[in-house]
């Protein structure tokens, strides 16, 4: 084990302590092992479309299914082209704006990369 303790990979706190076999961050309650702290990978959100293509913010996608808009009588039609504003965690992981409907959250399983 090294003599200096690493910063927390989750919140970058310097108040990390070693407890048995794990590093512990008292500020965010994150725990990780020494082998995890050697890795420099960051947790990044990976979102894939219906065909398995990786999506990123700013990509254009096409709807592959008619989607009813909750709380409205309108429908987002199949083939509608949408630009992704950002990707978020959760069930509806695409934040976008659909022309004629407005801001909307979509599931990535109902789109394909354009």
PDB file of N, CA and C in Angstrom:
ATOM      1  N   UNK A   1       0.837  -1.180   0.000  1.00  0.00           N
ATOM      2  CA  UNK A   1       0.000   0.000   0.000  1.00  0.00           C
ATOM      3  C   UNK A   1       0.883   1.244   0.000  1.00  0.00           C
ATOM      4  N   UNK A   2       0.456   2.252  -0.711  1.00  0.00           N
ATOM      5  CA  UNK A   2       1.230   3.485  -0.781  1.00  0.00           C
ATOM      6  C   UNK A   2       1.088   4.268   0.524  1.00  0.00           C
ATOM      7  N   UNK A   3       2.036   5.178   0.783  1.00  0.00           N
ATOM      8  CA  UNK A   3       2.026   5.930   2.037  1.00  0.00           C
ATOM      9  C   UNK A   3       1.042   7.093   1.993  1.00  0.00           C
ATOM     10  N   UNK A   4       0.765   7.656   0.814  1.00  0.00           N
ATOM     11  CA  UNK A   4      -0.224   8.721   0.721  1.00  0.00           C
ATOM     12  C   UNK A   4      -1.539   8.126   0.256  1.00  0.00           C
ATOM     13  N   UNK A   5      -2.615   8.589   0.837  1.00  0.00           N
ATOM     14  CA  UNK A   5      -3.935   8.072   0.480  1.00  0.00           C
ATOM     15  C   UNK A   5      -4.466   8.810  -0.740  1.00  0.00           C
ATOM     16  N   UNK A   6      -5.141   8.096  -1.638  1.00  0.00           N
ATOM     17  CA  UNK A   6      -5.688   8.745  -2.835  1.00  0.00           C
ATOM     18  C   UNK A   6      -6.911   9.588  -2.503  1.00  0.00           C
ATOM     19  N   UNK A   7      -7.250  10.487  -3.379  1.00  0.00           N
ATOM     20  CA  UNK A   7      -8.489  11.246  -3.242  1.00  0.00           C
ATOM     21  C   UNK A   7      -9.658  10.350  -3.620  1.00  0.00           C
ATOM     22  N   UNK A   8     -10.832  10.690  -3.137  1.00  0.00           N
ATOM     23  CA  UNK A   8     -12.035   9.920  -3.457  1.00  0.00           C
ATOM     24  C   UNK A   8     -12.335  10.042  -4.956  1.00  0.00           C
ATOM     25  N   UNK A   9     -12.532   8.918  -5.668  1.00  0.00           N
ATOM     26  CA  UNK A   9     -12.823   8.986  -7.096  1.00  0.00           C
ATOM     27  C   UNK A   9     -14.217   9.522  -7.393  1.00  0.00           C
ATOM     28  N   UNK A  10     -15.103   9.509  -6.418  1.00  0.00           N
ATOM     29  CA  UNK A  10     -16.474   9.956  -6.630  1.00  0.00           C
ATOM     30  C   UNK A  10     -16.635  11.462  -6.408  1.00  0.00           C
ATOM     31  N   UNK A  11     -16.093  11.975  -5.284  1.00  0.00           N
ATOM     32  CA  UNK A  11     -16.295  13.391  -4.954  1.00  0.00           C
ATOM     33  C   UNK A  11     -14.982  14.172  -4.842  1.00  0.00           C
ATOM     34  N   UNK A  12     -13.844  13.522  -5.050  1.00  0.00           N
ATOM     35  CA  UNK A  12     -12.509  14.128  -5.000  1.00  0.00           C
ATOM     36  C   UNK A  12     -12.121  14.668  -3.623  1.00  0.00           C
ATOM     37  N   UNK A  13     -12.724  14.131  -2.592  1.00  0.00           N
ATOM     38  CA  UNK A  13     -12.400  14.556  -1.231  1.00  0.00           C
ATOM     39  C   UNK A  13     -11.010  14.072  -0.847  1.00  0.00           C
ATOM     40  N   UNK A  14     -10.303  14.866  -0.069  1.00  0.00           N
ATOM     41  CA  UNK A  14      -8.964  14.489   0.389  1.00  0.00           C
ATOM     42  C   UNK A  14      -8.997  13.843   1.769  1.00  0.00           C
ATOM     43  N   UNK A  15     -10.169  13.733   2.379  1.00  0.00           N
ATOM     44  CA  UNK A  15     -10.297  13.194   3.735  1.00  0.00           C
ATOM     45  C   UNK A  15     -10.578  11.692   3.737  1.00  0.00           C
ATOM     46  N   UNK A  16      -9.892  10.964   2.894  1.00  0.00           N
ATOM     47  CA  UNK A  16     -10.063   9.525   2.762  1.00  0.00           C
ATOM     48  C   UNK A  16      -9.252   8.813   3.836  1.00  0.00           C
ATOM     49  N   UNK A  17      -9.798   7.708   4.351  1.00  0.00           N
ATOM     50  CA  UNK A  17      -9.051   6.886   5.303  1.00  0.00           C
ATOM     51  C   UNK A  17      -9.135   5.422   4.896  1.00  0.00           C
ATOM     52  N   UNK A  18      -8.195   4.631   5.396  1.00  0.00           N
ATOM     53  CA  UNK A  18      -8.103   3.212   5.075  1.00  0.00           C
ATOM     54  C   UNK A  18      -8.709   2.416   6.220  1.00  0.00           C
ATOM     55  N   UNK A  19      -9.678   1.547   5.919  1.00  0.00           N
ATOM     56  CA  UNK A  19     -10.359   0.752   6.934  1.00  0.00           C
ATOM     57  C   UNK A  19     -10.297  -0.718   6.543  1.00  0.00           C
ATOM     58  N   UNK A  20      -9.350  -1.458   7.111  1.00  0.00           N
ATOM     59  CA  UNK A  20      -9.212  -2.887   6.802  1.00  0.00           C
ATOM     60  C   UNK A  20      -8.683  -3.090   5.400  1.00  0.00           C
ATOM     61  N   UNK A  21      -9.572  -3.416   4.457  1.00  0.00           N
ATOM     62  CA  UNK A  21      -9.152  -3.647   3.075  1.00  0.00           C
ATOM     63  C   UNK A  21      -9.741  -2.628   2.108  1.00  0.00           C
ATOM     64  N   UNK A  22     -10.452  -1.629   2.619  1.00  0.00           N
ATOM     65  CA  UNK A  22     -11.105  -0.652   1.761  1.00  0.00           C
ATOM     66  C   UNK A  22     -10.722   0.772   2.118  1.00  0.00           C
ATOM     67  N   UNK A  23     -10.693   1.630   1.104  1.00  0.00           N
ATOM     68  CA  UNK A  23     -10.602   3.063   1.323  1.00  0.00           C
ATOM     69  C   UNK A  23     -12.018   3.569   1.544  1.00  0.00           C
ATOM     70  N   UNK A  24     -12.204   4.531   2.439  1.00  0.00           N
ATOM     71  CA  UNK A  24     -13.528   5.056   2.749  1.00  0.00           C
ATOM     72  C   UNK A  24     -13.480   6.578   2.689  1.00  0.00           C
ATOM     73  N   UNK A  25     -14.501   7.160   2.070  1.00  0.00           N
ATOM     74  CA  UNK A  25     -14.638   8.607   2.025  1.00  0.00           C
ATOM     75  C   UNK A  25     -15.726   9.015   3.017  1.00  0.00           C
ATOM     76  N   UNK A  26     -15.395   9.802   4.037  1.00  0.00           N
ATOM     77  CA  UNK A  26     -16.402  10.192   5.023  1.00  0.00           C
ATOM     78  C   UNK A  26     -17.412  11.219   4.495  1.00  0.00           C
ATOM     79  N   UNK A  27     -17.101  11.883   3.400  1.00  0.00           N
ATOM     80  CA  UNK A  27     -18.002  12.911   2.890  1.00  0.00           C
ATOM     81  C   UNK A  27     -19.135  12.346   2.031  1.00  0.00           C
ATOM     82  N   UNK A  28     -18.826  11.349   1.182  1.00  0.00           N
ATOM     83  CA  UNK A  28     -19.874  10.798   0.311  1.00  0.00           C
ATOM     84  C   UNK A  28     -20.157   9.327   0.590  1.00  0.00           C
ATOM     85  N   UNK A  29     -19.472   8.729   1.567  1.00  0.00           N
ATOM     86  CA  UNK A  29     -19.649   7.333   1.976  1.00  0.00           C
ATOM     87  C   UNK A  29     -19.255   6.342   0.879  1.00  0.00           C
ATOM     88  N   UNK A  30     -18.413   6.757  -0.045  1.00  0.00           N
ATOM     89  CA  UNK A  30     -17.921   5.864  -1.089  1.00  0.00           C
ATOM     90  C   UNK A  30     -16.848   4.952  -0.510  1.00  0.00           C
ATOM     91  N   UNK A  31     -16.898   3.665  -0.889  1.00  0.00           N
ATOM     92  CA  UNK A  31     -15.884   2.702  -0.468  1.00  0.00           C
ATOM     93  C   UNK A  31     -15.311   2.032  -1.710  1.00  0.00           C
ATOM     94  N   UNK A  32     -13.991   1.829  -1.734  1.00  0.00           N
ATOM     95  CA  UNK A  32     -13.358   1.159  -2.858  1.00  0.00           C
ATOM     96  C   UNK A  32     -12.084   0.492  -2.382  1.00  0.00           C
ATOM     97  N   UNK A  33     -11.650  -0.504  -3.155  1.00  0.00           N
ATOM     98  CA  UNK A  33     -10.439  -1.233  -2.792  1.00  0.00           C
ATOM     99  C   UNK A  33      -9.219  -0.571  -3.421  1.00  0.00           C
ATOM    100  N   UNK A  34      -8.038  -0.990  -2.989  1.00  0.00           N
ATOM    101  CA  UNK A  34      -6.800  -0.401  -3.500  1.00  0.00           C
ATOM    102  C   UNK A  34      -6.651  -0.656  -4.996  1.00  0.00           C
ATOM    103  N   UNK A  35      -7.075  -1.825  -5.461  1.00  0.00           N
ATOM    104  CA  UNK A  35      -6.966  -2.123  -6.891  1.00  0.00           C
ATOM    105  C   UNK A  35      -7.889  -1.228  -7.712  1.00  0.00           C
ATOM    106  N   UNK A  36      -9.028  -0.817  -7.136  1.00  0.00           N
ATOM    107  CA  UNK A  36      -9.923   0.108  -7.825  1.00  0.00           C
ATOM    108  C   UNK A  36      -9.315   1.493  -7.930  1.00  0.00           C
ATOM    109  N   UNK A  37      -8.532   1.899  -6.929  1.00  0.00           N
ATOM    110  CA  UNK A  37      -7.972   3.248  -6.928  1.00  0.00           C
ATOM    111  C   UNK A  37      -6.838   3.397  -7.939  1.00  0.00           C
ATOM    112  N   UNK A  38      -6.237   2.294  -8.350  1.00  0.00           N
ATOM    113  CA  UNK A  38      -5.173   2.350  -9.354  1.00  0.00           C
ATOM    114  C   UNK A  38      -5.761   2.677 -10.718  1.00  0.00           C
ATOM    115  N   UNK A  39      -6.970   2.191 -10.976  1.00  0.00           N
ATOM    116  CA  UNK A  39      -7.633   2.446 -12.243  1.00  0.00           C
ATOM    117  C   UNK A  39      -7.996   3.917 -12.352  1.00  0.00           C
ATOM    118  N   UNK A  40      -7.771   4.500 -13.531  1.00  0.00           N
ATOM    119  CA  UNK A  40      -8.066   5.915 -13.730  1.00  0.00           C
ATOM    120  C   UNK A  40      -9.319   6.123 -14.566  1.00  0.00           C
ATOM    121  N   UNK A  41     -10.083   5.042 -14.823  1.00  0.00           N
ATOM    122  CA  UNK A  41     -11.291   5.166 -15.609  1.00  0.00           C
ATOM    123  C   UNK A  41     -12.342   5.961 -14.854  1.00  0.00           C
ATOM    124  N   UNK A  42     -13.064   6.787 -15.592  1.00  0.00           N
ATOM    125  CA  UNK A  42     -14.165   7.513 -14.982  1.00  0.00           C
ATOM    126  C   UNK A  42     -15.464   6.819 -15.357  1.00  0.00           C
ATOM    127  N   UNK A  43     -16.439   6.925 -14.493  1.00  0.00           N
ATOM    128  CA  UNK A  43     -17.744   6.358 -14.795  1.00  0.00           C
ATOM    129  C   UNK A  43     -18.441   7.271 -15.788  1.00  0.00           C
ATOM    130  N   UNK A  44     -18.659   6.773 -16.993  1.00  0.00           N
ATOM    131  CA  UNK A  44     -19.352   7.569 -17.982  1.00  0.00           C
ATOM    132  C   UNK A  44     -20.602   6.836 -18.412  1.00  0.00           C
ATOM    133  N   UNK A  45     -21.608   7.587 -18.729  1.00  0.00           N
ATOM    134  CA  UNK A  45     -22.891   7.050 -19.123  1.00  0.00           C
ATOM    135  C   UNK A  45     -22.809   6.549 -20.558  1.00  0.00           C
ATOM    136  N   UNK A  46     -23.168   5.280 -20.764  1.00  0.00           N
ATOM    137  CA  UNK A  46     -23.175   4.693 -22.100  1.00  0.00           C
ATOM    138  C   UNK A  46     -24.625   4.390 -22.458  1.00  0.00           C
ATOM    139  N   UNK A  47     -25.103   5.029 -23.516  1.00  0.00           N
ATOM    140  CA  UNK A  47     -26.469   4.836 -23.984  1.00  0.00           C
ATOM    141  C   UNK A  47     -26.401   4.319 -25.407  1.00  0.00           C
ATOM    142  N   UNK A  48     -27.166   3.249 -25.682  1.00  0.00           N
ATOM    143  CA  UNK A  48     -27.177   2.665 -27.025  1.00  0.00           C
ATOM    144  C   UNK A  48     -28.588   2.706 -27.588  1.00  0.00           C
ATOM    145  N   UNK A  49     -28.668   2.856 -28.916  1.00  0.00           N
ATOM    146  CA  UNK A  49     -29.969   2.888 -29.574  1.00  0.00           C
ATOM    147  C   UNK A  49     -30.504   1.476 -29.783  1.00  0.00           C
ATOM    148  N   UNK A  50     -31.610   1.347 -30.508  1.00  0.00           N
ATOM    149  CA  UNK A  50     -32.249   0.058 -30.733  1.00  0.00           C
ATOM    150  C   UNK A  50     -31.354  -0.910 -31.506  1.00  0.00           C
ATOM    151  N   UNK A  51     -30.433  -0.393 -32.306  1.00  0.00           N
ATOM    152  CA  UNK A  51     -29.529  -1.236 -33.088  1.00  0.00           C
ATOM    153  C   UNK A  51     -28.194  -1.489 -32.393  1.00  0.00           C
ATOM    154  N   UNK A  52     -27.990  -0.936 -31.223  1.00  0.00           N
ATOM    155  CA  UNK A  52     -26.748  -1.143 -30.482  1.00  0.00           C
ATOM    156  C   UNK A  52     -25.685  -0.107 -30.752  1.00  0.00           C
ATOM    157  N   UNK A  53     -25.997   0.945 -31.490  1.00  0.00           N
ATOM    158  CA  UNK A  53     -25.038   2.023 -31.751  1.00  0.00           C
ATOM    159  C   UNK A  53     -24.971   2.939 -30.543  1.00  0.00           C
ATOM    160  N   UNK A  54     -23.770   3.374 -30.209  1.00  0.00           N
ATOM    161  CA  UNK A  54     -23.576   4.247 -29.061  1.00  0.00           C
ATOM    162  C   UNK A  54     -24.040   5.667 -29.392  1.00  0.00           C
ATOM    163  N   UNK A  55     -24.823   6.256 -28.477  1.00  0.00           N
ATOM    164  CA  UNK A  55     -25.337   7.606 -28.666  1.00  0.00           C
ATOM    165  C   UNK A  55     -24.569   8.592 -27.801  1.00  0.00           C
ATOM    166  N   UNK A  56     -24.463   9.826 -28.288  1.00  0.00           N
ATOM    167  CA  UNK A  56     -23.813  10.897 -27.547  1.00  0.00           C
ATOM    168  C   UNK A  56     -24.660  12.151 -27.662  1.00  0.00           C
ATOM    169  N   UNK A  57     -24.440  13.102 -26.756  1.00  0.00           N
ATOM    170  CA  UNK A  57     -25.155  14.373 -26.815  1.00  0.00           C
ATOM    171  C   UNK A  57     -24.845  15.061 -28.134  1.00  0.00           C
ATOM    172  N   UNK A  58     -25.866  15.613 -28.767  1.00  0.00           N
ATOM    173  CA  UNK A  58     -25.693  16.280 -30.044  1.00  0.00           C
ATOM    174  C   UNK A  58     -25.987  15.400 -31.241  1.00  0.00           C
ATOM    175  N   UNK A  59     -26.090  14.092 -31.053  1.00  0.00           N
ATOM    176  CA  UNK A  59     -26.413  13.184 -32.163  1.00  0.00           C
ATOM    177  C   UNK A  59     -27.851  13.393 -32.614  1.00  0.00           C
ATOM    178  N   UNK A  60     -28.113  13.058 -33.870  1.00  0.00           N
ATOM    179  CA  UNK A  60     -29.475  13.057 -34.390  1.00  0.00           C
ATOM    180  C   UNK A  60     -29.964  11.620 -34.427  1.00  0.00           C
ATOM    181  N   UNK A  61     -31.208  11.411 -33.999  1.00  0.00           N
ATOM    182  CA  UNK A  61     -31.804  10.077 -33.989  1.00  0.00           C
ATOM    183  C   UNK A  61     -33.167  10.142 -34.657  1.00  0.00           C
ATOM    184  N   UNK A  62     -33.664   8.973 -35.059  1.00  0.00           N
ATOM    185  CA  UNK A  62     -34.966   8.850 -35.696  1.00  0.00           C
ATOM    186  C   UNK A  62     -35.833   7.916 -34.867  1.00  0.00           C
ATOM    187  N   UNK A  63     -37.100   8.277 -34.678  1.00  0.00           N
ATOM    188  CA  UNK A  63     -38.019   7.412 -33.943  1.00  0.00           C
ATOM    189  C   UNK A  63     -38.340   6.176 -34.766  1.00  0.00           C
ATOM    190  N   UNK A  64     -38.387   5.019 -34.122  1.00  0.00           N
ATOM    191  CA  UNK A  64     -38.692   3.769 -34.827  1.00  0.00           C
ATOM    192  C   UNK A  64     -40.088   3.267 -34.478  1.00  0.00           C
ATOM    193  N   UNK A  65     -40.840   4.078 -33.728  1.00  0.00           N
ATOM    194  CA  UNK A  65     -42.178   3.685 -33.298  1.00  0.00           C
ATOM    195  C   UNK A  65     -42.986   4.950 -33.031  1.00  0.00           C
ATOM    196  N   UNK A  66     -44.296   4.909 -33.296  1.00  0.00           N
ATOM    197  CA  UNK A  66     -45.165   6.025 -32.911  1.00  0.00           C
ATOM    198  C   UNK A  66     -45.231   6.058 -31.384  1.00  0.00           C
ATOM    199  N   UNK A  67     -44.993   7.233 -30.814  1.00  0.00           N
ATOM    200  CA  UNK A  67     -44.999   7.366 -29.357  1.00  0.00           C
ATOM    201  C   UNK A  67     -46.077   8.355 -28.938  1.00  0.00           C
ATOM    202  N   UNK A  68     -46.987   7.911 -28.070  1.00  0.00           N
ATOM    203  CA  UNK A  68     -48.013   8.800 -27.535  1.00  0.00           C
ATOM    204  C   UNK A  68     -47.367   9.711 -26.513  1.00  0.00           C
ATOM    205  N   UNK A  69     -47.759  10.976 -26.526  1.00  0.00           N
ATOM    206  CA  UNK A  69     -47.227  11.956 -25.589  1.00  0.00           C
ATOM    207  C   UNK A  69     -48.133  11.956 -24.368  1.00  0.00           C
ATOM    208  N   UNK A  70     -47.561  11.634 -23.219  1.00  0.00           N
ATOM    209  CA  UNK A  70     -48.330  11.540 -21.993  1.00  0.00           C
ATOM    210  C   UNK A  70     -48.908  12.908 -21.622  1.00  0.00           C
ATOM    211  N   UNK A  71     -50.202  12.936 -21.284  1.00  0.00           N
ATOM    212  CA  UNK A  71     -50.855  14.173 -20.895  1.00  0.00           C
ATOM    213  C   UNK A  71     -51.293  15.027 -22.068  1.00  0.00           C
ATOM    214  N   UNK A  72     -51.227  14.480 -23.262  1.00  0.00           N
ATOM    215  CA  UNK A  72     -51.587  15.217 -24.458  1.00  0.00           C
ATOM    216  C   UNK A  72     -52.243  14.276 -25.453  1.00  0.00           C
ATOM    217  N   UNK A  73     -52.937  14.843 -26.423  1.00  0.00           N
ATOM    218  CA  UNK A  73     -53.560  14.001 -27.445  1.00  0.00           C
ATOM    219  C   UNK A  73     -52.639  13.826 -28.661  1.00  0.00           C
ATOM    220  N   UNK A  74     -51.481  14.454 -28.649  1.00  0.00           N
ATOM    221  CA  UNK A  74     -50.569  14.376 -29.793  1.00  0.00           C
ATOM    222  C   UNK A  74     -49.717  13.106 -29.752  1.00  0.00           C
ATOM    223  N   UNK A  75     -49.151  12.771 -30.898  1.00  0.00           N
ATOM    224  CA  UNK A  75     -48.318  11.584 -31.053  1.00  0.00           C
ATOM    225  C   UNK A  75     -47.057  11.949 -31.817  1.00  0.00           C
ATOM    226  N   UNK A  76     -45.926  11.444 -31.347  1.00  0.00           N
ATOM    227  CA  UNK A  76     -44.663  11.595 -32.080  1.00  0.00           C
ATOM    228  C   UNK A  76     -44.606  10.449 -33.082  1.00  0.00           C
ATOM    229  N   UNK A  77     -44.609  10.783 -34.354  1.00  0.00           N
ATOM    230  CA  UNK A  77     -44.728   9.788 -35.422  1.00  0.00           C
ATOM    231  C   UNK A  77     -43.405   9.088 -35.727  1.00  0.00           C
ATOM    232  N   UNK A  78     -43.514   7.870 -36.229  1.00  0.00           N
ATOM    233  CA  UNK A  78     -42.355   7.087 -36.659  1.00  0.00           C
ATOM    234  C   UNK A  78     -41.617   7.855 -37.757  1.00  0.00           C
ATOM    235  N   UNK A  79     -40.299   7.848 -37.713  1.00  0.00           N
ATOM    236  CA  UNK A  79     -39.489   8.531 -38.711  1.00  0.00           C
ATOM    237  C   UNK A  79     -39.155   9.963 -38.364  1.00  0.00           C
ATOM    238  N   UNK A  80     -39.705  10.476 -37.246  1.00  0.00           N
ATOM    239  CA  UNK A  80     -39.413  11.847 -36.842  1.00  0.00           C
ATOM    240  C   UNK A  80     -37.953  11.949 -36.424  1.00  0.00           C
ATOM    241  N   UNK A  81     -37.247  12.937 -36.983  1.00  0.00           N
ATOM    242  CA  UNK A  81     -35.839  13.139 -36.653  1.00  0.00           C
ATOM    243  C   UNK A  81     -35.725  14.067 -35.451  1.00  0.00           C
ATOM    244  N   UNK A  82     -34.914  13.662 -34.464  1.00  0.00           N
ATOM    245  CA  UNK A  82     -34.782  14.382 -33.209  1.00  0.00           C
ATOM    246  C   UNK A  82     -33.300  14.572 -32.901  1.00  0.00           C
ATOM    247  N   UNK A  83     -32.939  15.744 -32.388  1.00  0.00           N
ATOM    248  CA  UNK A  83     -31.562  15.988 -31.964  1.00  0.00           C
ATOM    249  C   UNK A  83     -31.483  15.834 -30.446  1.00  0.00           C
ATOM    250  N   UNK A  84     -30.509  15.059 -29.976  1.00  0.00           N
ATOM    251  CA  UNK A  84     -30.341  14.802 -28.543  1.00  0.00           C
ATOM    252  C   UNK A  84     -29.693  16.024 -27.896  1.00  0.00           C
ATOM    253  N   UNK A  85     -30.352  16.567 -26.853  1.00  0.00           N
ATOM    254  CA  UNK A  85     -29.775  17.672 -26.087  1.00  0.00           C
ATOM    255  C   UNK A  85     -28.751  17.145 -25.092  1.00  0.00           C
ATOM    256  N   UNK A  86     -29.130  16.104 -24.362  1.00  0.00           N
ATOM    257  CA  UNK A  86     -28.211  15.493 -23.398  1.00  0.00           C
ATOM    258  C   UNK A  86     -28.694  14.099 -23.064  1.00  0.00           C
ATOM    259  N   UNK A  87     -27.784  13.290 -22.542  1.00  0.00           N
ATOM    260  CA  UNK A  87     -28.096  11.948 -22.090  1.00  0.00           C
ATOM    261  C   UNK A  87     -28.100  11.952 -20.570  1.00  0.00           C
ATOM    262  N   UNK A  88     -29.082  11.288 -19.974  1.00  0.00           N
ATOM    263  CA  UNK A  88     -29.209  11.253 -18.524  1.00  0.00           C
ATOM    264  C   UNK A  88     -29.400   9.810 -18.074  1.00  0.00           C
ATOM    265  N   UNK A  89     -29.142   9.557 -16.789  1.00  0.00           N
ATOM    266  CA  UNK A  89     -29.378   8.231 -16.240  1.00  0.00           C
ATOM    267  C   UNK A  89     -30.859   8.051 -15.975  1.00  0.00           C
ATOM    268  N   UNK A  90     -31.296   6.818 -16.006  1.00  0.00           N
ATOM    269  CA  UNK A  90     -32.690   6.527 -15.705  1.00  0.00           C
ATOM    270  C   UNK A  90     -33.358   5.780 -16.838  1.00  0.00           C
ATOM    271  N   UNK A  91     -34.651   5.558 -16.663  1.00  0.00           N
ATOM    272  CA  UNK A  91     -35.437   4.804 -17.633  1.00  0.00           C
ATOM    273  C   UNK A  91     -35.559   5.555 -18.958  1.00  0.00           C
ATOM    274  N   UNK A  92     -35.912   6.829 -18.910  1.00  0.00           N
ATOM    275  CA  UNK A  92     -35.986   7.677 -20.090  1.00  0.00           C
ATOM    276  C   UNK A  92     -34.674   8.460 -20.139  1.00  0.00           C
ATOM    277  N   UNK A  93     -33.728   7.971 -20.917  1.00  0.00           N
ATOM    278  CA  UNK A  93     -32.364   8.490 -20.835  1.00  0.00           C
ATOM    279  C   UNK A  93     -31.968   9.459 -21.944  1.00  0.00           C
ATOM    280  N   UNK A  94     -32.889   9.884 -22.783  1.00  0.00           N
ATOM    281  CA  UNK A  94     -32.589  10.865 -23.819  1.00  0.00           C
ATOM    282  C   UNK A  94     -33.446  12.109 -23.577  1.00  0.00           C
ATOM    283  N   UNK A  95     -32.799  13.239 -23.385  1.00  0.00           N
ATOM    284  CA  UNK A  95     -33.485  14.519 -23.217  1.00  0.00           C
ATOM    285  C   UNK A  95     -33.395  15.239 -24.555  1.00  0.00           C
ATOM    286  N   UNK A  96     -34.551  15.547 -25.155  1.00  0.00           N
ATOM    287  CA  UNK A  96     -34.552  16.144 -26.486  1.00  0.00           C
ATOM    288  C   UNK A  96     -35.731  17.091 -26.638  1.00  0.00           C
ATOM    289  N   UNK A  97     -35.817  17.720 -27.801  1.00  0.00           N
ATOM    290  CA  UNK A  97     -36.951  18.577 -28.140  1.00  0.00           C
ATOM    291  C   UNK A  97     -37.470  18.114 -29.492  1.00  0.00           C
ATOM    292  N   UNK A  98     -38.761  17.777 -29.534  1.00  0.00           N
ATOM    293  CA  UNK A  98     -39.377  17.309 -30.770  1.00  0.00           C
ATOM    294  C   UNK A  98     -40.153  18.466 -31.388  1.00  0.00           C
ATOM    295  N   UNK A  99     -39.898  18.716 -32.665  1.00  0.00           N
ATOM    296  CA  UNK A  99     -40.562  19.799 -33.394  1.00  0.00           C
ATOM    297  C   UNK A  99     -42.079  19.620 -33.342  1.00  0.00           C
ATOM    298  N   UNK A 100     -42.798  20.657 -32.919  1.00  0.00           N
ATOM    299  CA  UNK A 100     -44.250  20.614 -32.862  1.00  0.00           C
ATOM    300  C   UNK A 100     -44.802  20.056 -31.562  1.00  0.00           C
ATOM    301  N   UNK A 101     -43.957  19.418 -30.756  1.00  0.00           N
ATOM    302  CA  UNK A 101     -44.404  18.837 -29.486  1.00  0.00           C
ATOM    303  C   UNK A 101     -43.749  19.553 -28.319  1.00  0.00           C
ATOM    304  N   UNK A 102     -42.429  19.736 -28.396  1.00  0.00           N
ATOM    305  CA  UNK A 102     -41.700  20.424 -27.351  1.00  0.00           C
ATOM    306  C   UNK A 102     -40.698  19.516 -26.659  1.00  0.00           C
ATOM    307  N   UNK A 103     -40.213  19.926 -25.468  1.00  0.00           N
ATOM    308  CA  UNK A 103     -39.227  19.126 -24.742  1.00  0.00           C
ATOM    309  C   UNK A 103     -39.815  17.776 -24.323  1.00  0.00           C
ATOM    310  N   UNK A 104     -38.988  16.738 -24.411  1.00  0.00           N
ATOM    311  CA  UNK A 104     -39.475  15.396 -24.128  1.00  0.00           C
ATOM    312  C   UNK A 104     -38.325  14.495 -23.705  1.00  0.00           C
ATOM    313  N   UNK A 105     -38.632  13.510 -22.897  1.00  0.00           N
ATOM    314  CA  UNK A 105     -37.662  12.473 -22.513  1.00  0.00           C
ATOM    315  C   UNK A 105     -38.043  11.196 -23.258  1.00  0.00           C
ATOM    316  N   UNK A 106     -37.062  10.554 -23.877  1.00  0.00           N
ATOM    317  CA  UNK A 106     -37.301   9.335 -24.648  1.00  0.00           C
ATOM    318  C   UNK A 106     -36.488   8.173 -24.104  1.00  0.00           C
ATOM    319  N   UNK A 107     -36.977   6.971 -24.327  1.00  0.00           N
ATOM    320  CA  UNK A 107     -36.206   5.769 -24.039  1.00  0.00           C
ATOM    321  C   UNK A 107     -35.348   5.481 -25.271  1.00  0.00           C
ATOM    322  N   UNK A 108     -34.116   5.087 -25.038  1.00  0.00           N
ATOM    323  CA  UNK A 108     -33.190   4.847 -26.151  1.00  0.00           C
ATOM    324  C   UNK A 108     -33.609   3.650 -26.998  1.00  0.00           C
ATOM    325  N   UNK A 109     -34.446   2.775 -26.478  1.00  0.00           N
ATOM    326  CA  UNK A 109     -34.873   1.589 -27.231  1.00  0.00           C
ATOM    327  C   UNK A 109     -35.842   1.930 -28.361  1.00  0.00           C
ATOM    328  N   UNK A 110     -36.371   3.163 -28.380  1.00  0.00           N
ATOM    329  CA  UNK A 110     -37.328   3.570 -29.406  1.00  0.00           C
ATOM    330  C   UNK A 110     -36.718   4.485 -30.460  1.00  0.00           C
ATOM    331  N   UNK A 111     -35.386   4.586 -30.511  1.00  0.00           N
ATOM    332  CA  UNK A 111     -34.720   5.432 -31.494  1.00  0.00           C
ATOM    333  C   UNK A 111     -33.596   4.678 -32.176  1.00  0.00           C
ATOM    334  N   UNK A 112     -33.222   5.162 -33.357  1.00  0.00           N
ATOM    335  CA  UNK A 112     -32.026   4.666 -34.041  1.00  0.00           C
ATOM    336  C   UNK A 112     -31.226   5.870 -34.493  1.00  0.00           C
ATOM    337  N   UNK A 113     -29.923   5.699 -34.540  1.00  0.00           N
ATOM    338  CA  UNK A 113     -29.034   6.788 -34.931  1.00  0.00           C
ATOM    339  C   UNK A 113     -29.264   7.147 -36.390  1.00  0.00           C
ATOM    340  N   UNK A 114     -29.382   8.442 -36.671  1.00  0.00           N
ATOM    341  CA  UNK A 114     -29.648   8.895 -38.036  1.00  0.00           C
ATOM    342  C   UNK A 114     -28.364   9.056 -38.824  1.00  0.00           C
TER     343      UNK A 114
END
